[in-house]
Amino acid sequence: MVMKFKANLKVMLKPSVLDPQGATLERALKSMGYHQVSSVRVGKLIELVLESESAEAAEKAANEWADRLLANPNMEYYALSLESIS
């Protein structure tokens, strides 16, 4: 039986990679008076809906997609969460 899953992929720059967008947002927040901000990093959230025979197969597929296309392993890391929606 085929089931539907939602995979959320949080992709972030590795700590060793400079984040100019995060630095710009940090400066902007501080210029607005929000001095309690000490660091800003910007990433992306990719939401995928997929059909698979099992949660294990869905997770394997989503990890493969992330490794091959959705995240750059030289600069980024990702965290995957998966939930059944059917």
Protein backbone atom coordinates (compact mmCIF):
# COMPACT_ATOMS: atom_id res chain seq x y z
CA MET A 1 0.00 0.00 0.00
CA VAL A 2 1.33 3.42 -0.97
CA MET A 3 1.28 6.09 1.74
CA LYS A 4 1.82 9.84 1.60
CA PHE A 5 4.53 11.55 3.62
CA LYS A 6 5.62 15.11 4.17
CA ALA A 7 9.37 15.60 4.42
CA ASN A 8 10.72 18.86 5.81
CA LEU A 9 14.32 19.54 4.96
CA LYS A 10 16.06 22.30 6.92
CA VAL A 11 19.16 23.36 5.00
CA MET A 12 21.76 25.59 6.69
CA LEU A 13 25.22 26.84 5.82
CA LYS A 14 27.98 25.06 7.68
CA PRO A 15 29.36 27.11 10.60
CA SER A 16 32.67 27.57 8.76
CA VAL A 17 30.93 29.23 5.76
CA LEU A 18 30.40 32.98 5.83
CA ASP A 19 26.75 34.03 5.74
CA PRO A 20 26.52 37.55 4.26
CA GLN A 21 22.71 37.55 4.35
CA GLY A 22 22.74 36.59 8.02
CA ALA A 23 25.34 39.27 8.78
CA THR A 24 23.22 41.90 7.00
CA LEU A 25 20.14 40.90 8.98
CA GLU A 26 22.11 40.95 12.23
CA ARG A 27 23.33 44.51 11.53
CA ALA A 28 19.81 45.61 10.54
CA LEU A 29 18.28 44.20 13.74
CA LYS A 30 20.93 45.90 15.87
CA SER A 31 20.40 49.20 14.04
CA MET A 32 16.71 48.90 14.91
CA GLY A 33 17.60 48.63 18.59
CA TYR A 34 17.48 44.85 19.00
CA HIS A 35 20.89 44.57 20.65
CA GLN A 36 20.16 41.21 22.28
CA VAL A 37 20.78 39.55 18.86
CA SER A 38 24.27 38.08 18.83
CA SER A 39 24.23 36.03 15.61
CA VAL A 40 21.98 35.43 12.61
CA ARG A 41 22.30 32.56 10.13
CA VAL A 42 19.94 32.23 7.17
CA GLY A 43 18.88 28.91 5.71
CA LYS A 44 16.00 27.42 3.81
CA LEU A 45 13.15 25.04 4.48
CA ILE A 46 12.16 22.66 1.69
CA GLU A 47 8.86 20.84 2.08
CA LEU A 48 8.28 17.74 -0.04
CA VAL A 49 5.16 15.60 -0.29
CA LEU A 50 5.95 12.13 -1.55
CA GLU A 51 4.37 8.73 -1.91
CA SER A 52 6.17 5.64 -0.71
CA GLU A 53 5.60 2.10 0.49
CA SER A 54 7.01 2.84 3.97
CA ALA A 55 8.45 5.56 6.17
CA GLU A 56 11.90 4.00 5.80
CA ALA A 57 11.71 4.13 2.00
CA ALA A 58 10.41 7.71 2.08
CA GLU A 59 13.25 8.77 4.38
CA LYS A 60 15.81 7.05 2.18
CA ALA A 61 14.45 8.80 -0.93
CA ALA A 62 14.34 12.24 0.73
CA ASN A 63 17.92 11.82 1.99
CA GLU A 64 19.08 10.83 -1.49
CA TRP A 65 17.38 13.89 -3.02
CA ALA A 66 18.96 16.13 -0.41
CA ASP A 67 22.42 14.64 -0.94
CA ARG A 68 22.22 14.83 -4.74
CA LEU A 69 20.28 18.04 -5.39
CA LEU A 70 18.72 19.96 -2.52
CA ALA A 71 21.76 20.69 -0.33
CA ASN A 72 25.34 21.46 -1.31
CA PRO A 73 27.45 19.14 0.89
CA ASN A 74 30.52 21.38 0.49
CA MET A 75 28.79 24.37 2.08
CA GLU A 76 25.61 23.14 3.73
CA TYR A 77 24.21 20.55 6.08
CA TYR A 78 20.60 19.48 6.40
CA ALA A 79 18.20 18.00 8.91
CA LEU A 80 15.27 15.90 7.75
CA SER A 81 11.95 15.36 9.49
CA LEU A 82 9.29 13.08 8.08
CA GLU A 83 5.64 12.64 8.93
CA SER A 84 2.86 10.50 7.54
CA ILE A 85 -0.03 12.49 6.06
CA SER A 86 -2.30 9.65 4.92
